[in-house]
Amino acid sequence: MRKIKALLTTIVLLLCSTPNFAFDFRVDGICYSKLSSTTVEVYDYSDKITGDVTIPETVTYEGSTYSVTSIGESAFGHCSSLTYISIPNSVTSIGDYAFSGSELKEITIPNSVTSIGDGAFAECAELQEITIPSSVTSIGARAFYSCTGLTSITIPNSVTSIGESAFFCCI
C-alpha cells in the first residue's frame, strides 16, 4: 500500500510541475491554438505588442496555413500597450474577456463576427465609440462593463440577445 501511495504522490508531483501550454505556436508575437487542421484562434499576445495590431486572416507555421477564425478567451486581456486592433473577415467570434482591461482606443469588428463574449471589452476605459456589425446576434454579459470613455455605440437589429450588465458603469 505504501508503494502505491508513494507512486501516486510521485505522479501527482510530476503532473503539477510539468508546464501546460495551451497554445500550439507563435507567429509575430501572437500565440495561436489549433482548432482543426485548417483553423486556429488567437490564444495570447506577446508583451512586446504595442500600438496598432492587425490580426492576419491566415497564418503559416511549419509549412501549414491556417485560417484565423476566433479571438480566444482573454487573448489580449490587460494588454496595456494595445491601442488599436484590426480583426480580419475570417473571424466569427470574439471570446470572453478577449480585450478586457486593455488600453484599446479603437477597434474594427468585421461583418463576419456573430458573437461577442462575456466581458469581451470590459474595463476598456479608453474605448470611445464602437459599431457592432449587422452580423452580430449576441452580446455577452458585461461585454462593455465599465467602459467609462464610451460615448457612442451602434447596435443593429440583428442583435437578439444582450447579456446582463453589458453596459453597466458606462458613464
N, C-alpha and C. Protein backbone atom coordinates (compact mmCIF):
# COMPACT_ATOMS: atom_id res chain seq x y z
N MET A 1 0.82 -1.20 0.00
CA MET A 1 0.00 0.00 0.00
C MET A 1 0.86 1.26 0.00
N ARG A 2 1.96 1.24 0.78
CA ARG A 2 2.85 2.40 0.82
C ARG A 2 3.48 2.67 -0.54
N LYS A 3 3.83 1.61 -1.26
CA LYS A 3 4.44 1.78 -2.58
C LYS A 3 3.46 2.42 -3.55
N ILE A 4 2.21 2.01 -3.49
CA ILE A 4 1.19 2.60 -4.37
C ILE A 4 0.99 4.06 -4.02
N LYS A 5 0.92 4.36 -2.73
CA LYS A 5 0.74 5.74 -2.29
C LYS A 5 1.92 6.61 -2.72
N ALA A 6 3.13 6.09 -2.58
CA ALA A 6 4.33 6.83 -3.00
C ALA A 6 4.35 7.04 -4.51
N LEU A 7 3.93 6.03 -5.26
CA LEU A 7 3.88 6.14 -6.71
C LEU A 7 2.86 7.19 -7.15
N LEU A 8 1.69 7.17 -6.52
CA LEU A 8 0.66 8.16 -6.84
C LEU A 8 1.13 9.57 -6.51
N THR A 9 1.80 9.73 -5.38
CA THR A 9 2.32 11.04 -4.98
C THR A 9 3.35 11.52 -6.01
N THR A 10 4.22 10.64 -6.46
CA THR A 10 5.22 10.99 -7.47
C THR A 10 4.56 11.41 -8.78
N ILE A 11 3.55 10.68 -9.19
CA ILE A 11 2.83 11.01 -10.42
C ILE A 11 2.17 12.38 -10.32
N VAL A 12 1.51 12.65 -9.20
CA VAL A 12 0.86 13.94 -9.00
C VAL A 12 1.89 15.07 -9.03
N LEU A 13 3.02 14.88 -8.37
CA LEU A 13 4.05 15.91 -8.36
C LEU A 13 4.60 16.16 -9.76
N LEU A 14 4.80 15.12 -10.53
CA LEU A 14 5.28 15.27 -11.91
C LEU A 14 4.27 16.03 -12.76
N LEU A 15 3.01 15.68 -12.62
CA LEU A 15 1.96 16.35 -13.39
C LEU A 15 1.86 17.82 -13.02
N CYS A 16 2.00 18.13 -11.74
CA CYS A 16 1.87 19.51 -11.29
C CYS A 16 3.07 20.36 -11.68
N SER A 17 4.23 19.75 -11.86
CA SER A 17 5.41 20.52 -12.19
C SER A 17 5.65 20.63 -13.69
N THR A 18 4.89 19.90 -14.50
CA THR A 18 5.04 19.96 -15.95
C THR A 18 4.23 21.13 -16.49
N PRO A 19 4.90 22.05 -17.25
CA PRO A 19 4.14 23.18 -17.78
C PRO A 19 3.06 22.72 -18.75
N ASN A 20 1.92 23.42 -18.70
CA ASN A 20 0.81 23.08 -19.57
C ASN A 20 0.51 24.28 -20.47
N PHE A 21 1.13 24.29 -21.66
CA PHE A 21 0.92 25.38 -22.59
C PHE A 21 -0.27 25.05 -23.47
N ALA A 22 -1.22 25.96 -23.53
CA ALA A 22 -2.43 25.70 -24.30
C ALA A 22 -2.34 26.22 -25.72
N PHE A 23 -1.26 26.91 -26.07
CA PHE A 23 -1.14 27.37 -27.44
C PHE A 23 -0.22 26.43 -28.20
N ASP A 24 -0.40 26.41 -29.51
CA ASP A 24 0.37 25.49 -30.34
C ASP A 24 1.59 26.12 -30.99
N PHE A 25 1.50 27.41 -31.33
CA PHE A 25 2.65 28.08 -31.93
C PHE A 25 2.50 29.59 -31.84
N ARG A 26 3.61 30.28 -32.09
CA ARG A 26 3.64 31.75 -32.02
C ARG A 26 4.20 32.28 -33.34
N VAL A 27 3.53 33.28 -33.90
CA VAL A 27 3.99 33.95 -35.11
C VAL A 27 3.84 35.45 -34.90
N ASP A 28 4.90 36.20 -35.13
CA ASP A 28 4.89 37.66 -34.98
C ASP A 28 4.33 38.12 -33.63
N GLY A 29 4.70 37.42 -32.58
CA GLY A 29 4.30 37.82 -31.23
C GLY A 29 2.91 37.40 -30.80
N ILE A 30 2.15 36.75 -31.67
CA ILE A 30 0.80 36.31 -31.32
C ILE A 30 0.80 34.78 -31.22
N CYS A 31 0.24 34.27 -30.15
CA CYS A 31 0.14 32.82 -29.96
C CYS A 31 -1.18 32.33 -30.53
N TYR A 32 -1.14 31.15 -31.12
CA TYR A 32 -2.32 30.55 -31.75
C TYR A 32 -2.55 29.15 -31.21
N SER A 33 -3.82 28.79 -31.08
CA SER A 33 -4.23 27.42 -30.72
C SER A 33 -4.95 26.83 -31.91
N LYS A 34 -4.57 25.62 -32.27
CA LYS A 34 -5.23 24.94 -33.39
C LYS A 34 -6.63 24.50 -32.97
N LEU A 35 -7.60 24.83 -33.80
CA LEU A 35 -8.98 24.39 -33.58
C LEU A 35 -9.27 23.16 -34.44
N SER A 36 -8.61 23.10 -35.59
CA SER A 36 -8.74 21.97 -36.51
C SER A 36 -7.46 21.93 -37.34
N SER A 37 -7.44 21.10 -38.34
CA SER A 37 -6.24 21.01 -39.18
C SER A 37 -6.09 22.22 -40.09
N THR A 38 -7.12 23.07 -40.16
CA THR A 38 -7.06 24.24 -41.04
C THR A 38 -7.40 25.56 -40.35
N THR A 39 -7.81 25.52 -39.08
CA THR A 39 -8.23 26.75 -38.39
C THR A 39 -7.53 26.91 -37.04
N VAL A 40 -7.36 28.17 -36.65
CA VAL A 40 -6.76 28.50 -35.36
C VAL A 40 -7.51 29.65 -34.72
N GLU A 41 -7.30 29.82 -33.42
CA GLU A 41 -7.80 31.00 -32.73
C GLU A 41 -6.61 31.72 -32.12
N VAL A 42 -6.73 33.04 -32.00
CA VAL A 42 -5.71 33.81 -31.31
C VAL A 42 -5.82 33.42 -29.85
N TYR A 43 -4.72 32.98 -29.28
CA TYR A 43 -4.74 32.49 -27.91
C TYR A 43 -4.21 33.53 -26.93
N ASP A 44 -3.14 34.19 -27.31
CA ASP A 44 -2.47 35.06 -26.36
C ASP A 44 -1.62 36.07 -27.14
N TYR A 45 -1.14 37.05 -26.44
CA TYR A 45 -0.31 38.07 -27.06
C TYR A 45 1.06 38.06 -26.41
N SER A 46 2.00 38.69 -27.08
CA SER A 46 3.33 38.87 -26.52
C SER A 46 3.37 40.23 -25.84
N ASP A 47 4.12 40.34 -24.79
CA ASP A 47 4.26 41.62 -24.10
C ASP A 47 4.88 42.68 -25.00
N LYS A 48 5.48 42.26 -26.09
CA LYS A 48 6.14 43.20 -26.99
C LYS A 48 5.16 43.86 -27.96
N ILE A 49 3.92 43.41 -28.02
CA ILE A 49 2.94 44.02 -28.91
C ILE A 49 2.53 45.37 -28.37
N THR A 50 2.70 46.41 -29.19
CA THR A 50 2.34 47.75 -28.77
C THR A 50 1.61 48.47 -29.90
N GLY A 51 0.85 49.47 -29.52
CA GLY A 51 0.18 50.32 -30.51
C GLY A 51 -0.89 49.61 -31.31
N ASP A 52 -0.74 49.67 -32.62
CA ASP A 52 -1.73 49.12 -33.55
C ASP A 52 -1.38 47.68 -33.92
N VAL A 53 -2.38 46.80 -33.90
CA VAL A 53 -2.17 45.40 -34.24
C VAL A 53 -3.19 44.99 -35.30
N THR A 54 -2.70 44.31 -36.31
CA THR A 54 -3.58 43.74 -37.33
C THR A 54 -3.45 42.23 -37.25
N ILE A 55 -4.54 41.58 -36.92
CA ILE A 55 -4.54 40.12 -36.88
C ILE A 55 -4.68 39.63 -38.32
N PRO A 56 -3.82 38.72 -38.74
CA PRO A 56 -3.91 38.25 -40.13
C PRO A 56 -5.10 37.32 -40.35
N GLU A 57 -5.58 37.27 -41.59
CA GLU A 57 -6.67 36.36 -41.94
C GLU A 57 -6.18 34.92 -41.93
N THR A 58 -4.95 34.72 -42.35
CA THR A 58 -4.32 33.39 -42.31
C THR A 58 -2.95 33.52 -41.70
N VAL A 59 -2.47 32.44 -41.14
CA VAL A 59 -1.13 32.40 -40.56
C VAL A 59 -0.48 31.08 -41.00
N THR A 60 0.80 31.16 -41.34
CA THR A 60 1.53 29.98 -41.78
C THR A 60 2.57 29.60 -40.74
N TYR A 61 2.58 28.33 -40.40
CA TYR A 61 3.54 27.81 -39.42
C TYR A 61 4.00 26.43 -39.86
N GLU A 62 5.29 26.26 -39.93
CA GLU A 62 5.92 24.99 -40.33
C GLU A 62 5.29 24.42 -41.60
N GLY A 63 5.08 25.29 -42.58
CA GLY A 63 4.57 24.85 -43.88
C GLY A 63 3.07 24.69 -43.99
N SER A 64 2.35 24.83 -42.90
CA SER A 64 0.89 24.72 -42.93
C SER A 64 0.26 26.10 -42.77
N THR A 65 -0.80 26.35 -43.54
CA THR A 65 -1.51 27.62 -43.46
C THR A 65 -2.86 27.39 -42.78
N TYR A 66 -3.15 28.26 -41.81
CA TYR A 66 -4.37 28.15 -41.02
C TYR A 66 -5.19 29.43 -41.16
N SER A 67 -6.50 29.29 -41.18
CA SER A 67 -7.41 30.42 -41.17
C SER A 67 -7.66 30.82 -39.71
N VAL A 68 -7.55 32.11 -39.41
CA VAL A 68 -7.78 32.61 -38.05
C VAL A 68 -9.28 32.85 -37.92
N THR A 69 -9.97 32.04 -37.09
CA THR A 69 -11.43 32.11 -37.03
C THR A 69 -12.00 32.68 -35.73
N SER A 70 -11.16 32.86 -34.71
CA SER A 70 -11.70 33.45 -33.48
C SER A 70 -10.60 34.10 -32.65
N ILE A 71 -11.04 35.02 -31.79
CA ILE A 71 -10.17 35.64 -30.80
C ILE A 71 -10.52 34.93 -29.50
N GLY A 72 -9.58 34.21 -28.94
CA GLY A 72 -9.84 33.37 -27.78
C GLY A 72 -10.03 34.14 -26.48
N GLU A 73 -10.45 33.40 -25.47
CA GLU A 73 -10.70 33.95 -24.14
C GLU A 73 -9.44 34.64 -23.60
N SER A 74 -9.60 35.88 -23.18
CA SER A 74 -8.54 36.70 -22.57
C SER A 74 -7.31 36.88 -23.47
N ALA A 75 -7.46 36.71 -24.77
CA ALA A 75 -6.32 36.76 -25.69
C ALA A 75 -5.50 38.05 -25.57
N PHE A 76 -6.17 39.18 -25.46
CA PHE A 76 -5.48 40.46 -25.33
C PHE A 76 -5.86 41.16 -24.02
N GLY A 77 -6.37 40.41 -23.07
CA GLY A 77 -6.79 40.97 -21.80
C GLY A 77 -5.63 41.63 -21.07
N HIS A 78 -5.88 42.81 -20.57
CA HIS A 78 -4.91 43.61 -19.80
C HIS A 78 -3.64 43.90 -20.58
N CYS A 79 -3.77 44.02 -21.88
CA CYS A 79 -2.64 44.38 -22.74
C CYS A 79 -2.54 45.90 -22.73
N SER A 80 -1.74 46.43 -21.85
CA SER A 80 -1.71 47.87 -21.62
C SER A 80 -1.14 48.68 -22.78
N SER A 81 -0.46 48.04 -23.71
CA SER A 81 0.14 48.77 -24.82
C SER A 81 -0.68 48.71 -26.10
N LEU A 82 -1.78 47.99 -26.09
CA LEU A 82 -2.60 47.82 -27.28
C LEU A 82 -3.59 48.97 -27.40
N THR A 83 -3.52 49.74 -28.51
CA THR A 83 -4.42 50.88 -28.67
C THR A 83 -5.42 50.70 -29.81
N TYR A 84 -5.07 49.91 -30.83
CA TYR A 84 -5.97 49.66 -31.96
C TYR A 84 -5.77 48.24 -32.44
N ILE A 85 -6.86 47.59 -32.81
CA ILE A 85 -6.74 46.25 -33.37
C ILE A 85 -7.68 46.11 -34.55
N SER A 86 -7.18 45.49 -35.60
CA SER A 86 -7.97 45.20 -36.79
C SER A 86 -8.16 43.69 -36.85
N ILE A 87 -9.42 43.29 -36.91
CA ILE A 87 -9.77 41.87 -36.93
C ILE A 87 -10.15 41.49 -38.36
N PRO A 88 -9.61 40.38 -38.88
CA PRO A 88 -9.91 40.00 -40.27
C PRO A 88 -11.31 39.43 -40.44
N ASN A 89 -11.76 39.39 -41.69
CA ASN A 89 -13.08 38.85 -42.01
C ASN A 89 -13.22 37.36 -41.77
N SER A 90 -12.14 36.67 -41.50
CA SER A 90 -12.20 35.24 -41.22
C SER A 90 -12.68 34.94 -39.79
N VAL A 91 -12.64 35.93 -38.92
CA VAL A 91 -13.01 35.75 -37.50
C VAL A 91 -14.52 35.81 -37.34
N THR A 92 -15.08 34.79 -36.66
CA THR A 92 -16.53 34.74 -36.44
C THR A 92 -16.93 34.98 -34.99
N SER A 93 -15.96 34.90 -34.05
CA SER A 93 -16.33 35.14 -32.65
C SER A 93 -15.20 35.82 -31.89
N ILE A 94 -15.63 36.64 -30.93
CA ILE A 94 -14.70 37.30 -30.02
C ILE A 94 -14.99 36.69 -28.65
N GLY A 95 -14.00 36.03 -28.09
CA GLY A 95 -14.18 35.27 -26.86
C GLY A 95 -14.36 36.09 -25.60
N ASP A 96 -14.70 35.40 -24.53
CA ASP A 96 -14.88 36.02 -23.23
C ASP A 96 -13.60 36.76 -22.80
N TYR A 97 -13.76 37.98 -22.35
CA TYR A 97 -12.68 38.81 -21.81
C TYR A 97 -11.51 38.99 -22.79
N ALA A 98 -11.76 38.86 -24.09
CA ALA A 98 -10.72 38.92 -25.11
C ALA A 98 -9.87 40.19 -25.03
N PHE A 99 -10.49 41.32 -24.75
CA PHE A 99 -9.76 42.59 -24.71
C PHE A 99 -9.92 43.30 -23.36
N SER A 100 -10.47 42.65 -22.37
CA SER A 100 -10.79 43.31 -21.10
C SER A 100 -9.55 43.93 -20.46
N GLY A 101 -9.75 45.14 -19.97
CA GLY A 101 -8.68 45.83 -19.26
C GLY A 101 -7.56 46.34 -20.13
N SER A 102 -7.72 46.28 -21.44
CA SER A 102 -6.66 46.79 -22.32
C SER A 102 -6.83 48.29 -22.51
N GLU A 103 -5.85 48.92 -23.11
CA GLU A 103 -5.91 50.35 -23.39
C GLU A 103 -6.46 50.62 -24.78
N LEU A 104 -7.24 49.70 -25.29
CA LEU A 104 -7.82 49.79 -26.62
C LEU A 104 -8.60 51.08 -26.80
N LYS A 105 -8.25 51.84 -27.84
CA LYS A 105 -8.94 53.09 -28.13
C LYS A 105 -9.87 52.94 -29.32
N GLU A 106 -9.54 52.02 -30.21
CA GLU A 106 -10.33 51.85 -31.43
C GLU A 106 -10.26 50.39 -31.87
N ILE A 107 -11.37 49.91 -32.40
CA ILE A 107 -11.43 48.54 -32.91
C ILE A 107 -12.36 48.50 -34.11
N THR A 108 -12.00 47.69 -35.07
CA THR A 108 -12.86 47.46 -36.23
C THR A 108 -13.33 46.02 -36.15
N ILE A 109 -14.63 45.84 -35.96
CA ILE A 109 -15.20 44.50 -35.90
C ILE A 109 -15.78 44.19 -37.28
N PRO A 110 -15.30 43.14 -37.92
CA PRO A 110 -15.79 42.84 -39.28
C PRO A 110 -17.18 42.22 -39.28
N ASN A 111 -17.82 42.22 -40.44
CA ASN A 111 -19.16 41.67 -40.62
C ASN A 111 -19.22 40.15 -40.46
N SER A 112 -18.10 39.51 -40.32
CA SER A 112 -18.07 38.05 -40.14
C SER A 112 -18.35 37.64 -38.70
N VAL A 113 -18.15 38.55 -37.75
CA VAL A 113 -18.32 38.23 -36.32
C VAL A 113 -19.81 38.09 -36.00
N THR A 114 -20.17 36.97 -35.35
CA THR A 114 -21.57 36.74 -34.99
C THR A 114 -21.80 36.83 -33.48
N SER A 115 -20.72 36.71 -32.69
CA SER A 115 -20.92 36.79 -31.23
C SER A 115 -19.77 37.51 -30.56
N ILE A 116 -20.13 38.27 -29.53
CA ILE A 116 -19.17 38.97 -28.68
C ILE A 116 -19.34 38.40 -27.29
N GLY A 117 -18.28 37.81 -26.76
CA GLY A 117 -18.34 37.07 -25.50
C GLY A 117 -18.50 37.92 -24.26
N ASP A 118 -18.73 37.23 -23.14
CA ASP A 118 -18.85 37.88 -21.83
C ASP A 118 -17.60 38.70 -21.54
N GLY A 119 -17.81 39.94 -21.13
CA GLY A 119 -16.71 40.80 -20.71
C GLY A 119 -15.67 41.07 -21.79
N ALA A 120 -16.01 40.86 -23.05
CA ALA A 120 -15.03 40.99 -24.14
C ALA A 120 -14.28 42.31 -24.14
N PHE A 121 -14.96 43.40 -23.82
CA PHE A 121 -14.33 44.72 -23.81
C PHE A 121 -14.44 45.37 -22.44
N ALA A 122 -14.71 44.61 -21.41
CA ALA A 122 -14.88 45.15 -20.06
C ALA A 122 -13.64 45.94 -19.63
N GLU A 123 -13.90 47.08 -19.01
CA GLU A 123 -12.86 47.94 -18.46
C GLU A 123 -11.88 48.48 -19.50
N CYS A 124 -12.34 48.63 -20.74
CA CYS A 124 -11.55 49.31 -21.78
C CYS A 124 -11.89 50.79 -21.68
N ALA A 125 -11.31 51.45 -20.72
CA ALA A 125 -11.66 52.83 -20.39
C ALA A 125 -11.37 53.81 -21.51
N GLU A 126 -10.46 53.48 -22.40
CA GLU A 126 -10.08 54.38 -23.49
C GLU A 126 -10.99 54.26 -24.72
N LEU A 127 -11.77 53.19 -24.79
CA LEU A 127 -12.65 52.95 -25.93
C LEU A 127 -13.77 53.98 -25.93
N GLN A 128 -13.88 54.76 -27.01
CA GLN A 128 -14.85 55.85 -27.05
C GLN A 128 -16.10 55.54 -27.86
N GLU A 129 -15.93 54.84 -28.97
CA GLU A 129 -17.11 54.50 -29.76
C GLU A 129 -16.90 53.15 -30.42
N ILE A 130 -18.01 52.50 -30.69
CA ILE A 130 -17.95 51.19 -31.33
C ILE A 130 -19.21 50.98 -32.16
N THR A 131 -19.03 50.36 -33.29
CA THR A 131 -20.16 50.00 -34.14
C THR A 131 -20.20 48.48 -34.22
N ILE A 132 -21.30 47.92 -33.78
CA ILE A 132 -21.49 46.48 -33.84
C ILE A 132 -22.01 46.16 -35.25
N PRO A 133 -21.36 45.27 -35.99
CA PRO A 133 -21.84 44.96 -37.34
C PRO A 133 -23.15 44.17 -37.32
N SER A 134 -23.87 44.21 -38.43
CA SER A 134 -25.18 43.55 -38.50
C SER A 134 -25.09 42.02 -38.48
N SER A 135 -23.90 41.46 -38.53
CA SER A 135 -23.73 40.01 -38.44
C SER A 135 -23.84 39.51 -36.99
N VAL A 136 -23.64 40.40 -36.03
CA VAL A 136 -23.65 40.00 -34.62
C VAL A 136 -25.08 39.75 -34.15
N THR A 137 -25.28 38.59 -33.50
CA THR A 137 -26.60 38.25 -32.97
C THR A 137 -26.62 38.25 -31.44
N SER A 138 -25.43 38.14 -30.81
CA SER A 138 -25.43 38.13 -29.34
C SER A 138 -24.24 38.91 -28.78
N ILE A 139 -24.54 39.63 -27.71
CA ILE A 139 -23.54 40.38 -26.95
C ILE A 139 -23.58 39.81 -25.54
N GLY A 140 -22.44 39.34 -25.08
CA GLY A 140 -22.37 38.66 -23.79
C GLY A 140 -22.54 39.56 -22.58
N ALA A 141 -22.73 38.93 -21.44
CA ALA A 141 -22.86 39.64 -20.17
C ALA A 141 -21.58 40.44 -19.90
N ARG A 142 -21.75 41.63 -19.39
CA ARG A 142 -20.63 42.52 -19.04
C ARG A 142 -19.69 42.81 -20.21
N ALA A 143 -20.17 42.66 -21.45
CA ALA A 143 -19.33 42.84 -22.64
C ALA A 143 -18.62 44.19 -22.67
N PHE A 144 -19.31 45.25 -22.24
CA PHE A 144 -18.73 46.59 -22.24
C PHE A 144 -18.74 47.19 -20.83
N TYR A 145 -18.75 46.33 -19.85
CA TYR A 145 -18.78 46.74 -18.44
C TYR A 145 -17.65 47.73 -18.14
N SER A 146 -17.99 48.83 -17.54
CA SER A 146 -17.05 49.85 -17.07
C SER A 146 -16.17 50.42 -18.18
N CYS A 147 -16.74 50.57 -19.37
CA CYS A 147 -16.06 51.29 -20.45
C CYS A 147 -16.38 52.76 -20.25
N THR A 148 -15.70 53.37 -19.33
CA THR A 148 -16.05 54.71 -18.86
C THR A 148 -15.88 55.80 -19.91
N GLY A 149 -15.09 55.55 -20.96
CA GLY A 149 -14.91 56.54 -22.01
C GLY A 149 -15.87 56.38 -23.17
N LEU A 150 -16.69 55.34 -23.13
CA LEU A 150 -17.60 55.04 -24.24
C LEU A 150 -18.68 56.12 -24.35
N THR A 151 -18.72 56.78 -25.51
CA THR A 151 -19.71 57.84 -25.72
C THR A 151 -20.71 57.48 -26.81
N SER A 152 -20.38 56.49 -27.65
CA SER A 152 -21.28 56.13 -28.75
C SER A 152 -21.16 54.65 -29.08
N ILE A 153 -22.32 54.02 -29.21
CA ILE A 153 -22.34 52.62 -29.63
C ILE A 153 -23.55 52.42 -30.54
N THR A 154 -23.31 51.72 -31.62
CA THR A 154 -24.38 51.42 -32.57
C THR A 154 -24.65 49.93 -32.52
N ILE A 155 -25.91 49.58 -32.19
CA ILE A 155 -26.30 48.18 -32.08
C ILE A 155 -27.36 47.91 -33.15
N PRO A 156 -27.09 46.98 -34.05
CA PRO A 156 -28.05 46.71 -35.14
C PRO A 156 -29.22 45.85 -34.68
N ASN A 157 -30.25 45.79 -35.48
CA ASN A 157 -31.44 44.98 -35.18
C ASN A 157 -31.14 43.48 -35.16
N SER A 158 -30.02 43.07 -35.73
CA SER A 158 -29.67 41.65 -35.77
C SER A 158 -29.36 41.09 -34.38
N VAL A 159 -29.02 41.96 -33.44
CA VAL A 159 -28.70 41.52 -32.08
C VAL A 159 -29.99 41.09 -31.38
N THR A 160 -30.07 39.80 -31.05
CA THR A 160 -31.27 39.26 -30.41
C THR A 160 -31.08 39.02 -28.92
N SER A 161 -29.83 39.06 -28.45
CA SER A 161 -29.63 38.92 -27.01
C SER A 161 -28.45 39.77 -26.55
N ILE A 162 -28.70 40.47 -25.44
CA ILE A 162 -27.68 41.28 -24.79
C ILE A 162 -27.62 40.79 -23.35
N GLY A 163 -26.44 40.34 -22.95
CA GLY A 163 -26.27 39.76 -21.62
C GLY A 163 -26.41 40.77 -20.49
N GLU A 164 -26.60 40.24 -19.33
CA GLU A 164 -26.77 41.03 -18.11
C GLU A 164 -25.59 41.98 -17.90
N SER A 165 -25.88 43.19 -17.52
CA SER A 165 -24.89 44.23 -17.20
C SER A 165 -23.92 44.51 -18.35
N ALA A 166 -24.35 44.31 -19.57
CA ALA A 166 -23.48 44.51 -20.74
C ALA A 166 -22.90 45.91 -20.79
N PHE A 167 -23.65 46.90 -20.33
CA PHE A 167 -23.18 48.29 -20.38
C PHE A 167 -23.13 48.93 -19.00
N PHE A 168 -23.06 48.13 -17.97
CA PHE A 168 -23.02 48.61 -16.59
C PHE A 168 -21.77 49.48 -16.37
N CYS A 169 -21.94 50.58 -15.70
CA CYS A 169 -20.87 51.54 -15.40
C CYS A 169 -20.27 52.20 -16.62
N CYS A 170 -21.05 52.32 -17.68
CA CYS A 170 -20.62 53.09 -18.86
C CYS A 170 -21.17 54.50 -18.63
N ILE A 171 -20.37 55.36 -18.12
CA ILE A 171 -20.80 56.70 -17.73
C ILE A 171 -21.16 57.51 -18.95
